[in-house]
Full PDB file with SEQRES, HELIX, SHEET, SSBOND, CRYST1, ORIGX, SCALE, CONECT and MASTER records, all heavy atoms in Angstrom:
SEQRES   1 A   32  LYS MET TRP VAL LYS VAL GLU GLU GLU ILE GLN TYR ILE          
SEQRES   2 A   32  GLN ASN TYR LEU GLU LEU GLN LYS SER ARG ILE GLY LYS          
SEQRES   3 A   32  ARG LEU ASN TYR SER ILE                                      
HELIX    1 AA1 VAL A    6  ILE A   24  1                                  19    
HELIX    2 AA2 GLY A   25  ARG A   27  5                                   3    
CRYST1    1.000    1.000    1.000  90.00  90.00  90.00 P 1           1          
ORIGX1      1.000000  0.000000  0.000000        0.00000                         
ORIGX2      0.000000  1.000000  0.000000        0.00000                         
ORIGX3      0.000000  0.000000  1.000000        0.00000                         
SCALE1      1.000000  0.000000  0.000000        0.00000                         
SCALE2      0.000000  1.000000  0.000000        0.00000                         
SCALE3      0.000000  0.000000  1.000000        0.00000                         
ATOM      1  N   LYS A   1      13.407   5.817  13.558  1.00  0.00           N  
ATOM      2  CA  LYS A   1      13.950   4.494  13.271  1.00  0.00           C  
ATOM      3  C   LYS A   1      14.016   4.267  11.764  1.00  0.00           C  
ATOM      4  O   LYS A   1      13.152   4.714  11.022  1.00  0.00           O  
ATOM      5  CB  LYS A   1      13.094   3.420  13.913  1.00  0.00           C  
ATOM      6  CG  LYS A   1      13.096   3.452  15.443  1.00  0.00           C  
ATOM      7  CD  LYS A   1      12.245   2.322  15.996  1.00  0.00           C  
ATOM      8  CE  LYS A   1      12.226   2.343  17.525  1.00  0.00           C  
ATOM      9  NZ  LYS A   1      11.385   1.241  18.070  1.00  0.00           N  
ATOM     10  N   MET A   2      15.067   3.541  11.354  1.00  0.00           N  
ATOM     11  CA  MET A   2      15.257   3.274   9.927  1.00  0.00           C  
ATOM     12  C   MET A   2      14.892   1.845   9.552  1.00  0.00           C  
ATOM     13  O   MET A   2      14.862   1.491   8.387  1.00  0.00           O  
ATOM     14  CB  MET A   2      16.717   3.546   9.527  1.00  0.00           C  
ATOM     15  CG  MET A   2      17.101   5.013   9.607  1.00  0.00           C  
ATOM     16  SD  MET A   2      18.852   5.292   9.323  1.00  0.00           S  
ATOM     17  CE  MET A   2      19.527   4.741  10.885  1.00  0.00           C  
ATOM     18  N   TRP A   3      14.661   0.975  10.532  1.00  0.00           N  
ATOM     19  CA  TRP A   3      14.386  -0.427  10.276  1.00  0.00           C  
ATOM     20  C   TRP A   3      12.954  -0.760  10.691  1.00  0.00           C  
ATOM     21  O   TRP A   3      12.471  -0.325  11.730  1.00  0.00           O  
ATOM     22  CB  TRP A   3      15.354  -1.321  11.060  1.00  0.00           C  
ATOM     23  CG  TRP A   3      16.770  -1.117  10.638  1.00  0.00           C  
ATOM     24  CD1 TRP A   3      17.618  -0.141  11.072  1.00  0.00           C  
ATOM     25  CD2 TRP A   3      17.492  -1.889   9.696  1.00  0.00           C  
ATOM     26  NE1 TRP A   3      18.836  -0.240  10.459  1.00  0.00           N  
ATOM     27  CE2 TRP A   3      18.791  -1.324   9.598  1.00  0.00           C  
ATOM     28  CE3 TRP A   3      17.179  -2.990   8.911  1.00  0.00           C  
ATOM     29  CZ2 TRP A   3      19.769  -1.838   8.770  1.00  0.00           C  
ATOM     30  CZ3 TRP A   3      18.166  -3.507   8.073  1.00  0.00           C  
ATOM     31  CH2 TRP A   3      19.436  -2.929   7.995  1.00  0.00           C  
ATOM     32  N   VAL A   4      12.274  -1.523   9.851  1.00  0.00           N  
ATOM     33  CA  VAL A   4      10.915  -1.984  10.139  1.00  0.00           C  
ATOM     34  C   VAL A   4      10.824  -3.462   9.802  1.00  0.00           C  
ATOM     35  O   VAL A   4      11.646  -3.989   9.055  1.00  0.00           O  
ATOM     36  CB  VAL A   4       9.868  -1.206   9.329  1.00  0.00           C  
ATOM     37  CG1 VAL A   4       9.854   0.251   9.704  1.00  0.00           C  
ATOM     38  CG2 VAL A   4      10.105  -1.387   7.829  1.00  0.00           C  
ATOM     39  N   LYS A   5       9.817  -4.121  10.334  1.00  0.00           N  
ATOM     40  CA  LYS A   5       9.578  -5.508   9.971  1.00  0.00           C  
ATOM     41  C   LYS A   5       8.951  -5.579   8.581  1.00  0.00           C  
ATOM     42  O   LYS A   5       8.345  -4.614   8.101  1.00  0.00           O  
ATOM     43  CB  LYS A   5       8.640  -6.166  10.975  1.00  0.00           C  
ATOM     44  CG  LYS A   5       9.211  -6.272  12.387  1.00  0.00           C  
ATOM     45  CD  LYS A   5       8.193  -6.919  13.330  1.00  0.00           C  
ATOM     46  CE  LYS A   5       8.766  -7.026  14.742  1.00  0.00           C  
ATOM     47  NZ  LYS A   5       7.789  -7.635  15.680  1.00  0.00           N  
ATOM     48  N   VAL A   6       9.122  -6.766   7.958  1.00  0.00           N  
ATOM     49  CA  VAL A   6       8.524  -6.966   6.638  1.00  0.00           C  
ATOM     50  C   VAL A   6       7.013  -6.741   6.706  1.00  0.00           C  
ATOM     51  O   VAL A   6       6.409  -6.113   5.822  1.00  0.00           O  
ATOM     52  CB  VAL A   6       8.860  -8.383   6.119  1.00  0.00           C  
ATOM     53  CG1 VAL A   6       8.064  -8.685   4.846  1.00  0.00           C  
ATOM     54  CG2 VAL A   6      10.351  -8.525   5.849  1.00  0.00           C  
ATOM     55  N   GLU A   7       6.397  -7.228   7.769  1.00  0.00           N  
ATOM     56  CA  GLU A   7       4.953  -7.087   7.919  1.00  0.00           C  
ATOM     57  C   GLU A   7       4.549  -5.614   7.957  1.00  0.00           C  
ATOM     58  O   GLU A   7       3.547  -5.204   7.354  1.00  0.00           O  
ATOM     59  CB  GLU A   7       4.490  -7.801   9.198  1.00  0.00           C  
ATOM     60  CG  GLU A   7       2.987  -7.815   9.394  1.00  0.00           C  
ATOM     61  CD  GLU A   7       2.595  -8.592  10.641  1.00  0.00           C  
ATOM     62  OE1 GLU A   7       3.360  -8.526  11.636  1.00  0.00           O  
ATOM     63  OE2 GLU A   7       1.546  -9.256  10.610  1.00  0.00           O  
ATOM     64  N   GLU A   8       5.333  -4.788   8.655  1.00  0.00           N  
ATOM     65  CA  GLU A   8       5.033  -3.356   8.747  1.00  0.00           C  
ATOM     66  C   GLU A   8       5.189  -2.678   7.387  1.00  0.00           C  
ATOM     67  O   GLU A   8       4.411  -1.789   7.021  1.00  0.00           O  
ATOM     68  CB  GLU A   8       5.934  -2.700   9.783  1.00  0.00           C  
ATOM     69  CG  GLU A   8       5.668  -3.173  11.199  1.00  0.00           C  
ATOM     70  CD  GLU A   8       6.690  -2.654  12.202  1.00  0.00           C  
ATOM     71  OE1 GLU A   8       7.791  -2.255  11.770  1.00  0.00           O  
ATOM     72  OE2 GLU A   8       6.385  -2.638  13.400  1.00  0.00           O  
ATOM     73  N   GLU A   9       6.238  -3.096   6.657  1.00  0.00           N  
ATOM     74  CA  GLU A   9       6.456  -2.522   5.328  1.00  0.00           C  
ATOM     75  C   GLU A   9       5.291  -2.880   4.398  1.00  0.00           C  
ATOM     76  O   GLU A   9       4.841  -2.057   3.583  1.00  0.00           O  
ATOM     77  CB  GLU A   9       7.786  -3.024   4.752  1.00  0.00           C  
ATOM     78  CG  GLU A   9       8.094  -2.540   3.344  1.00  0.00           C  
ATOM     79  CD  GLU A   9       8.399  -1.056   3.266  1.00  0.00           C  
ATOM     80  OE1 GLU A   9       8.575  -0.414   4.325  1.00  0.00           O  
ATOM     81  OE2 GLU A   9       8.454  -0.523   2.136  1.00  0.00           O  
ATOM     82  N   ILE A  10       4.781  -4.123   4.498  1.00  0.00           N  
ATOM     83  CA  ILE A  10       3.648  -4.549   3.665  1.00  0.00           C  
ATOM     84  C   ILE A  10       2.396  -3.733   4.014  1.00  0.00           C  
ATOM     85  O   ILE A  10       1.640  -3.297   3.137  1.00  0.00           O  
ATOM     86  CB  ILE A  10       3.399  -6.049   3.844  1.00  0.00           C  
ATOM     87  CG1 ILE A  10       4.591  -6.861   3.285  1.00  0.00           C  
ATOM     88  CG2 ILE A  10       2.100  -6.471   3.158  1.00  0.00           C  
ATOM     89  CD1 ILE A  10       4.797  -6.712   1.807  1.00  0.00           C  
ATOM     90  N   GLN A  11       2.159  -3.524   5.333  1.00  0.00           N  
ATOM     91  CA  GLN A  11       1.012  -2.726   5.754  1.00  0.00           C  
ATOM     92  C   GLN A  11       1.118  -1.301   5.216  1.00  0.00           C  
ATOM     93  O   GLN A  11       0.128  -0.700   4.784  1.00  0.00           O  
ATOM     94  CB  GLN A  11       0.897  -2.707   7.278  1.00  0.00           C  
ATOM     95  CG  GLN A  11       0.511  -4.061   7.875  1.00  0.00           C  
ATOM     96  CD  GLN A  11       0.555  -4.053   9.392  1.00  0.00           C  
ATOM     97  OE1 GLN A  11       0.940  -3.057  10.013  1.00  0.00           O  
ATOM     98  NE2 GLN A  11       0.157  -5.176  10.009  1.00  0.00           N  
ATOM     99  N   TYR A  12       2.327  -0.781   5.254  1.00  0.00           N  
ATOM    100  CA  TYR A  12       2.554   0.584   4.755  1.00  0.00           C  
ATOM    101  C   TYR A  12       2.199   0.666   3.278  1.00  0.00           C  
ATOM    102  O   TYR A  12       1.459   1.561   2.839  1.00  0.00           O  
ATOM    103  CB  TYR A  12       4.012   0.973   4.986  1.00  0.00           C  
ATOM    104  CG  TYR A  12       4.423   2.270   4.328  1.00  0.00           C  
ATOM    105  CD1 TYR A  12       4.160   3.494   4.934  1.00  0.00           C  
ATOM    106  CD2 TYR A  12       5.057   2.277   3.082  1.00  0.00           C  
ATOM    107  CE1 TYR A  12       4.521   4.681   4.318  1.00  0.00           C  
ATOM    108  CE2 TYR A  12       5.409   3.447   2.467  1.00  0.00           C  
ATOM    109  CZ  TYR A  12       5.152   4.652   3.086  1.00  0.00           C  
ATOM    110  OH  TYR A  12       5.516   5.823   2.483  1.00  0.00           O  
ATOM    111  N   ILE A  13       2.709  -0.296   2.472  1.00  0.00           N  
ATOM    112  CA  ILE A  13       2.477  -0.214   1.028  1.00  0.00           C  
ATOM    113  C   ILE A  13       1.015  -0.489   0.700  1.00  0.00           C  
ATOM    114  O   ILE A  13       0.449   0.032  -0.273  1.00  0.00           O  
ATOM    115  CB  ILE A  13       3.418  -1.180   0.275  1.00  0.00           C  
ATOM    116  CG1 ILE A  13       3.530  -0.741  -1.187  1.00  0.00           C  
ATOM    117  CG2 ILE A  13       2.948  -2.617   0.356  1.00  0.00           C  
ATOM    118  CD1 ILE A  13       4.126   0.623  -1.383  1.00  0.00           C  
ATOM    119  N   GLN A  14       0.361  -1.307   1.547  1.00  0.00           N  
ATOM    120  CA  GLN A  14      -1.064  -1.552   1.332  1.00  0.00           C  
ATOM    121  C   GLN A  14      -1.868  -0.269   1.544  1.00  0.00           C  
ATOM    122  O   GLN A  14      -2.765   0.058   0.768  1.00  0.00           O  
ATOM    123  CB  GLN A  14      -1.551  -2.668   2.268  1.00  0.00           C  
ATOM    124  CG  GLN A  14      -2.999  -3.084   2.019  1.00  0.00           C  
ATOM    125  CD  GLN A  14      -3.407  -4.265   2.879  1.00  0.00           C  
ATOM    126  OE1 GLN A  14      -2.671  -4.674   3.768  1.00  0.00           O  
ATOM    127  NE2 GLN A  14      -4.591  -4.810   2.601  1.00  0.00           N  
ATOM    128  N   ASN A  15      -1.573   0.481   2.618  1.00  0.00           N  
ATOM    129  CA  ASN A  15      -2.232   1.765   2.851  1.00  0.00           C  
ATOM    130  C   ASN A  15      -1.974   2.728   1.700  1.00  0.00           C  
ATOM    131  O   ASN A  15      -2.871   3.466   1.254  1.00  0.00           O  
ATOM    132  CB  ASN A  15      -1.755   2.372   4.161  1.00  0.00           C  
ATOM    133  CG  ASN A  15      -2.313   1.638   5.370  1.00  0.00           C  
ATOM    134  OD1 ASN A  15      -3.455   1.167   5.347  1.00  0.00           O  
ATOM    135  ND2 ASN A  15      -1.528   1.542   6.433  1.00  0.00           N  
ATOM    136  N   TYR A  16      -0.738   2.711   1.228  1.00  0.00           N  
ATOM    137  CA  TYR A  16      -0.388   3.602   0.114  1.00  0.00           C  
ATOM    138  C   TYR A  16      -1.208   3.266  -1.132  1.00  0.00           C  
ATOM    139  O   TYR A  16      -1.748   4.141  -1.815  1.00  0.00           O  
ATOM    140  CB  TYR A  16       1.102   3.506  -0.169  1.00  0.00           C  
ATOM    141  CG  TYR A  16       1.561   4.338  -1.344  1.00  0.00           C  
ATOM    142  CD1 TYR A  16       1.806   5.702  -1.214  1.00  0.00           C  
ATOM    143  CD2 TYR A  16       1.728   3.748  -2.608  1.00  0.00           C  
ATOM    144  CE1 TYR A  16       2.208   6.463  -2.311  1.00  0.00           C  
ATOM    145  CE2 TYR A  16       2.125   4.490  -3.693  1.00  0.00           C  
ATOM    146  CZ  TYR A  16       2.365   5.845  -3.544  1.00  0.00           C  
ATOM    147  OH  TYR A  16       2.764   6.603  -4.611  1.00  0.00           O  
ATOM    148  N   LEU A  17      -1.307   1.953  -1.429  1.00  0.00           N  
ATOM    149  CA  LEU A  17      -2.055   1.525  -2.610  1.00  0.00           C  
ATOM    150  C   LEU A  17      -3.544   1.841  -2.477  1.00  0.00           C  
ATOM    151  O   LEU A  17      -4.221   2.201  -3.461  1.00  0.00           O  
ATOM    152  CB  LEU A  17      -1.846   0.026  -2.848  1.00  0.00           C  
ATOM    153  CG  LEU A  17      -0.507  -0.348  -3.499  1.00  0.00           C  
ATOM    154  CD1 LEU A  17      -0.255  -1.847  -3.399  1.00  0.00           C  
ATOM    155  CD2 LEU A  17      -0.471   0.101  -4.957  1.00  0.00           C  
ATOM    156  N   GLU A  18      -4.086   1.696  -1.266  1.00  0.00           N  
ATOM    157  CA  GLU A  18      -5.500   2.006  -1.062  1.00  0.00           C  
ATOM    158  C   GLU A  18      -5.765   3.492  -1.324  1.00  0.00           C  
ATOM    159  O   GLU A  18      -6.794   3.861  -1.905  1.00  0.00           O  
ATOM    160  CB  GLU A  18      -5.920   1.617   0.349  1.00  0.00           C  
ATOM    161  CG  GLU A  18      -6.107   0.128   0.554  1.00  0.00           C  
ATOM    162  CD  GLU A  18      -7.242  -0.447  -0.285  1.00  0.00           C  
ATOM    163  OE1 GLU A  18      -8.222   0.294  -0.556  1.00  0.00           O  
ATOM    164  OE2 GLU A  18      -7.153  -1.628  -0.695  1.00  0.00           O  
ATOM    165  N   LEU A  19      -4.856   4.343  -0.862  1.00  0.00           N  
ATOM    166  CA  LEU A  19      -5.025   5.779  -1.122  1.00  0.00           C  
ATOM    167  C   LEU A  19      -4.970   6.066  -2.619  1.00  0.00           C  
ATOM    168  O   LEU A  19      -5.760   6.858  -3.149  1.00  0.00           O  
ATOM    169  CB  LEU A  19      -3.931   6.571  -0.397  1.00  0.00           C  
ATOM    170  CG  LEU A  19      -4.057   6.672   1.126  1.00  0.00           C  
ATOM    171  CD1 LEU A  19      -2.851   7.384   1.707  1.00  0.00           C  
ATOM    172  CD2 LEU A  19      -5.350   7.412   1.507  1.00  0.00           C  
ATOM    173  N   GLN A  20      -3.999   5.393  -3.318  1.00  0.00           N  
ATOM    174  CA  GLN A  20      -3.895   5.601  -4.760  1.00  0.00           C  
ATOM    175  C   GLN A  20      -5.139   5.070  -5.487  1.00  0.00           C  
ATOM    176  O   GLN A  20      -5.622   5.667  -6.453  1.00  0.00           O  
ATOM    177  CB  GLN A  20      -2.636   4.911  -5.295  1.00  0.00           C  
ATOM    178  CG  GLN A  20      -1.336   5.548  -4.849  1.00  0.00           C  
ATOM    179  CD  GLN A  20      -1.107   6.894  -5.507  1.00  0.00           C  
ATOM    180  OE1 GLN A  20      -1.828   7.294  -6.452  1.00  0.00           O  
ATOM    181  NE2 GLN A  20      -0.145   7.652  -4.975  1.00  0.00           N  
ATOM    182  N   LYS A  21      -5.650   3.938  -4.995  1.00  0.00           N  
ATOM    183  CA  LYS A  21      -6.835   3.351  -5.603  1.00  0.00           C  
ATOM    184  C   LYS A  21      -8.043   4.263  -5.438  1.00  0.00           C  
ATOM    185  O   LYS A  21      -8.900   4.388  -6.322  1.00  0.00           O  
ATOM    186  CB  LYS A  21      -7.089   1.981  -4.985  1.00  0.00           C  
ATOM    187  CG  LYS A  21      -8.130   1.159  -5.725  1.00  0.00           C  
ATOM    188  CD  LYS A  21      -8.216  -0.253  -5.148  1.00  0.00           C  
ATOM    189  CE  LYS A  21      -9.272  -1.056  -5.890  1.00  0.00           C  
ATOM    190  NZ  LYS A  21      -9.381  -2.429  -5.338  1.00  0.00           N  
ATOM    191  N   SER A  22      -8.137   4.911  -4.273  1.00  0.00           N  
ATOM    192  CA  SER A  22      -9.214   5.870  -4.041  1.00  0.00           C  
ATOM    193  C   SER A  22      -9.096   7.050  -4.984  1.00  0.00           C  
ATOM    194  O   SER A  22     -10.096   7.648  -5.397  1.00  0.00           O  
ATOM    195  CB  SER A  22      -9.195   6.338  -2.583  1.00  0.00           C  
ATOM    196  OG  SER A  22      -9.395   5.261  -1.710  1.00  0.00           O  
ATOM    197  N   ARG A  23      -7.859   7.383  -5.340  1.00  0.00           N  
ATOM    198  CA  ARG A  23      -7.625   8.550  -6.195  1.00  0.00           C  
ATOM    199  C   ARG A  23      -7.965   8.268  -7.654  1.00  0.00           C  
ATOM    200  O   ARG A  23      -8.592   9.086  -8.328  1.00  0.00           O  
ATOM    201  CB  ARG A  23      -6.167   9.012  -6.076  1.00  0.00           C  
ATOM    202  CG  ARG A  23      -5.839  10.261  -6.884  1.00  0.00           C  
ATOM    203  CD  ARG A  23      -4.417  10.710  -6.629  1.00  0.00           C  
ATOM    204  NE  ARG A  23      -3.453   9.723  -7.096  1.00  0.00           N  
ATOM    205  CZ  ARG A  23      -2.995   9.683  -8.366  1.00  0.00           C  
ATOM    206  NH1 ARG A  23      -3.420  10.557  -9.256  1.00  0.00           N  
ATOM    207  NH2 ARG A  23      -2.122   8.783  -8.714  1.00  0.00           N  
ATOM    208  N   ILE A  24      -7.519   7.085  -8.155  1.00  0.00           N  
ATOM    209  CA  ILE A  24      -7.686   6.839  -9.593  1.00  0.00           C  
ATOM    210  C   ILE A  24      -8.763   5.813  -9.903  1.00  0.00           C  
ATOM    211  O   ILE A  24      -9.004   5.488 -11.062  1.00  0.00           O  
ATOM    212  CB  ILE A  24      -6.352   6.402 -10.222  1.00  0.00           C  
ATOM    213  CG1 ILE A  24      -5.871   5.092  -9.591  1.00  0.00           C  
ATOM    214  CG2 ILE A  24      -5.304   7.483 -10.091  1.00  0.00           C  
ATOM    215  CD1 ILE A  24      -4.567   4.598 -10.209  1.00  0.00           C  
ATOM    216  N   GLY A  25      -9.376   5.277  -8.863  1.00  0.00           N  
ATOM    217  CA  GLY A  25     -10.545   4.417  -9.061  1.00  0.00           C  
ATOM    218  C   GLY A  25     -10.210   3.058  -9.632  1.00  0.00           C  
ATOM    219  O   GLY A  25      -9.203   2.443  -9.296  1.00  0.00           O  
ATOM    220  N   LYS A  26     -11.121   2.602 -10.570  1.00  0.00           N  
ATOM    221  CA  LYS A  26     -11.000   1.241 -11.088  1.00  0.00           C  
ATOM    222  C   LYS A  26      -9.833   1.066 -12.057  1.00  0.00           C  
ATOM    223  O   LYS A  26      -9.565  -0.041 -12.517  1.00  0.00           O  
ATOM    224  CB  LYS A  26     -12.309   0.860 -11.797  1.00  0.00           C  
ATOM    225  CG  LYS A  26     -13.499   0.765 -10.857  1.00  0.00           C  
ATOM    226  CD  LYS A  26     -14.747   0.343 -11.593  1.00  0.00           C  
ATOM    227  CE  LYS A  26     -15.940   0.231 -10.649  1.00  0.00           C  
ATOM    228  NZ  LYS A  26     -17.165  -0.209 -11.359  1.00  0.00           N  
ATOM    229  N   ARG A  27      -9.169   2.134 -12.363  1.00  0.00           N  
ATOM    230  CA  ARG A  27      -8.008   1.990 -13.250  1.00  0.00           C  
ATOM    231  C   ARG A  27      -6.833   1.320 -12.543  1.00  0.00           C  
ATOM    232  O   ARG A  27      -5.822   1.024 -13.176  1.00  0.00           O  
ATOM    233  CB  ARG A  27      -7.573   3.374 -13.766  1.00  0.00           C  
ATOM    234  CG  ARG A  27      -8.574   3.950 -14.755  1.00  0.00           C  
ATOM    235  CD  ARG A  27      -8.026   5.177 -15.453  1.00  0.00           C  
ATOM    236  NE  ARG A  27      -7.816   6.286 -14.532  1.00  0.00           N  
ATOM    237  CZ  ARG A  27      -6.640   6.887 -14.353  1.00  0.00           C  
ATOM    238  NH1 ARG A  27      -5.574   6.474 -15.004  1.00  0.00           N  
ATOM    239  NH2 ARG A  27      -6.542   7.896 -13.503  1.00  0.00           N  
ATOM    240  N   LEU A  28      -6.945   1.073 -11.239  1.00  0.00           N  
ATOM    241  CA  LEU A  28      -5.842   0.448 -10.481  1.00  0.00           C  
ATOM    242  C   LEU A  28      -6.399  -0.721  -9.696  1.00  0.00           C  
ATOM    243  O   LEU A  28      -7.462  -0.627  -9.057  1.00  0.00           O  
ATOM    244  CB  LEU A  28      -5.202   1.462  -9.523  1.00  0.00           C  
ATOM    245  CG  LEU A  28      -4.186   0.881  -8.532  1.00  0.00           C  
ATOM    246  CD1 LEU A  28      -2.975   0.318  -9.275  1.00  0.00           C  
ATOM    247  CD2 LEU A  28      -3.744   1.962  -7.528  1.00  0.00           C  
ATOM    248  N   ASN A  29      -5.643  -1.816  -9.727  1.00  0.00           N  
ATOM    249  CA  ASN A  29      -5.928  -2.972  -8.886  1.00  0.00           C  
ATOM    250  C   ASN A  29      -4.582  -3.544  -8.428  1.00  0.00           C  
ATOM    251  O   ASN A  29      -3.550  -3.337  -9.084  1.00  0.00           O  
ATOM    252  CB  ASN A  29      -6.723  -4.031  -9.647  1.00  0.00           C  
ATOM    253  CG  ASN A  29      -7.394  -5.029  -8.689  1.00  0.00           C  
ATOM    254  OD1 ASN A  29      -7.296  -4.878  -7.459  1.00  0.00           O  
ATOM    255  ND2 ASN A  29      -8.058  -6.020  -9.231  1.00  0.00           N  
ATOM    256  N   TYR A  30      -4.584  -4.263  -7.321  1.00  0.00           N  
ATOM    257  CA  TYR A  30      -3.315  -4.806  -6.829  1.00  0.00           C  
ATOM    258  C   TYR A  30      -3.569  -6.088  -6.066  1.00  0.00           C  
ATOM    259  O   TYR A  30      -4.699  -6.385  -5.655  1.00  0.00           O  
ATOM    260  CB  TYR A  30      -2.599  -3.787  -5.927  1.00  0.00           C  
ATOM    261  CG  TYR A  30      -3.281  -3.554  -4.601  1.00  0.00           C  
ATOM    262  CD1 TYR A  30      -2.942  -4.324  -3.476  1.00  0.00           C  
ATOM    263  CD2 TYR A  30      -4.244  -2.549  -4.451  1.00  0.00           C  
ATOM    264  CE1 TYR A  30      -3.572  -4.096  -2.261  1.00  0.00           C  
ATOM    265  CE2 TYR A  30      -4.878  -2.336  -3.250  1.00  0.00           C  
ATOM    266  CZ  TYR A  30      -4.531  -3.111  -2.143  1.00  0.00           C  
ATOM    267  OH  TYR A  30      -5.131  -2.909  -0.943  1.00  0.00           O  
ATOM    268  N   SER A  31      -2.477  -6.849  -5.865  1.00  0.00           N  
ATOM    269  CA  SER A  31      -2.506  -8.047  -5.008  1.00  0.00           C  
ATOM    270  C   SER A  31      -1.196  -8.098  -4.240  1.00  0.00           C  
ATOM    271  O   SER A  31      -0.138  -7.733  -4.771  1.00  0.00           O  
ATOM    272  CB  SER A  31      -2.698  -9.316  -5.847  1.00  0.00           C  
ATOM    273  OG  SER A  31      -1.596  -9.527  -6.703  1.00  0.00           O  
ATOM    274  N   ILE A  32      -1.273  -8.559  -2.979  1.00  0.00           N  
ATOM    275  CA  ILE A  32      -0.083  -8.619  -2.128  1.00  0.00           C  
ATOM    276  C   ILE A  32       0.013 -10.016  -1.521  1.00  0.00           C  
ATOM    277  O   ILE A  32      -0.971 -10.547  -1.004  1.00  0.00           O  
ATOM    278  CB  ILE A  32      -0.136  -7.569  -1.007  1.00  0.00           C  
ATOM    279  CG1 ILE A  32      -0.168  -6.152  -1.592  1.00  0.00           C  
ATOM    280  CG2 ILE A  32       1.047  -7.733  -0.067  1.00  0.00           C  
ATOM    281  CD1 ILE A  32      -0.320  -5.065  -0.555  1.00  0.00           C  
TER     282      ILE A  32                                                      
MASTER        0    0    0    2    0    0    0    6  281    1    0    3          
END                                                                             
């Protein structure tokens, strides 16, 4: 499928950011 809900897209980017945060530590912070 090529279409997702906004909520699903937000969850996806949140997971992505958490993985990046685990990688680079306190040098990264975010808000959604």
